[in-house]
Protein backbone atom coordinates (compact mmCIF):
# COMPACT_ATOMS: atom_id res chain seq x y z
CA MET A 1 -0.04 0.21 -0.03
CA THR A 2 1.44 3.37 -0.92
CA MET A 3 1.50 5.92 1.87
CA ARG A 4 2.36 9.66 1.96
CA SER A 5 2.48 12.27 4.69
CA ARG A 6 1.79 16.03 4.12
CA ARG A 7 3.07 18.98 6.21
CA GLU A 8 1.72 22.26 6.28
CA THR A 9 1.85 25.19 8.51
CA ILE A 10 -1.22 26.45 10.25
CA THR A 11 -1.32 29.86 11.98
CA PHE A 12 -3.69 30.82 14.80
CA GLN A 13 -4.33 34.54 15.54
CA HIS A 14 -5.96 33.69 19.20
CA PRO A 15 -5.49 31.10 21.84
CA PHE A 16 -7.50 28.00 20.79
CA ARG A 17 -8.64 24.63 21.88
CA ILE A 18 -8.89 21.45 19.88
CA ARG A 19 -10.80 18.33 21.04
CA GLY A 20 -8.44 15.76 22.29
CA ILE A 21 -6.06 18.30 23.96
CA ASP A 22 -7.12 19.13 27.54
CA ARG A 23 -5.61 22.58 27.47
CA LEU A 24 -5.84 25.94 25.85
CA LEU A 25 -2.90 26.40 23.21
CA PRO A 26 -1.39 29.83 22.59
CA SER A 27 -1.86 31.50 19.21
CA GLY A 28 0.95 31.09 16.81
CA ALA A 29 2.18 28.65 13.95
CA TYR A 30 1.57 25.00 14.30
CA GLU A 31 2.86 22.19 12.04
CA VAL A 32 0.22 19.80 11.00
CA ILE A 33 0.94 16.37 9.32
CA THR A 34 -1.51 14.44 7.57
CA ASP A 35 -1.01 10.73 6.64
CA GLU A 36 -2.78 9.32 3.63
CA GLU A 37 -2.70 6.12 1.85
CA MET A 38 -3.55 5.39 -1.82
CA ILE A 39 -7.01 3.87 -2.61
CA GLU A 40 -5.92 0.89 -4.81
CA GLY A 41 -8.00 -0.33 -7.84
CA LEU A 42 -8.91 3.18 -9.26
CA SER A 43 -7.75 4.20 -12.87
CA PHE A 44 -6.38 7.38 -11.29
CA PRO A 45 -4.44 8.21 -8.19
CA ALA A 46 -6.40 9.05 -5.01
CA PHE A 47 -5.56 9.13 -1.35
CA ARG A 48 -7.52 8.85 1.77
CA ARG A 49 -6.58 10.57 5.09
CA ILE A 50 -5.95 8.03 7.70
CA ALA A 51 -4.24 10.31 10.45
CA THR A 52 -3.95 14.00 11.29
CA MET A 53 -1.44 15.21 13.76
CA ILE A 54 -0.55 18.47 15.09
CA MET A 55 2.89 19.67 16.77
CA VAL A 56 2.08 21.48 19.95
CA PRO A 57 4.07 22.83 23.00
CA ALA A 58 4.51 20.02 25.69
CA ALA A 59 2.49 20.31 28.63
CA ALA A 60 5.14 20.60 31.04
CA GLN A 61 5.78 24.38 31.92
CA ASN A 62 9.06 25.99 31.02
CA SER A 63 9.83 23.38 28.44
CA ALA A 64 10.92 23.77 24.93
CA ALA A 65 9.78 20.30 23.94
CA MET A 66 7.23 19.83 21.61
CA GLU A 67 4.74 16.76 21.19
CA MET A 68 2.73 15.38 18.41
CA VAL A 69 -1.01 15.06 19.17
CA SER A 70 -3.36 13.03 17.00
CA ILE A 71 -6.38 15.13 16.31
CA GLY A 72 -9.55 14.88 13.99
CA SER A 73 -9.51 16.76 10.74
CA VAL A 74 -13.09 17.96 11.41
CA ASP A 75 -11.79 19.17 14.87
CA LEU A 76 -9.04 21.33 13.37
CA SER A 77 -11.25 22.86 10.69
CA ASP A 78 -13.57 24.00 13.46
CA ALA A 79 -10.74 25.53 15.55
CA GLN A 80 -9.66 27.34 12.43
CA ARG A 81 -13.13 28.50 11.68
CA LEU A 82 -13.68 29.61 15.35
CA ASP A 83 -10.22 31.63 15.21
CA ALA A 84 -11.12 33.04 11.81
CA SER A 85 -14.48 34.45 13.10
CA ALA A 86 -13.01 35.62 16.63
CA PRO A 87 -13.08 39.51 17.03
CA ARG A 88 -9.88 41.20 16.14
CA GLU A 89 -7.89 42.73 19.25
């Protein structure tokens, strides 16, 4: 089975929450990794998303460490939508 990973940077203008992460995350740029697998048997290349992860600051205070957390793609879209609709400061 053919797999691929896509990486993108998403910027949040406001502190935000995503289901599956039990704390408020600060505004800023976040790396999002999406793993996909090729759908076999089609006459054209097509991929299906099998995992979405986001790199967030580690929960430990005063730590420069990052952790990769698995999230739902819909939950990420919801967080982006809420961030875009939040009033500008």
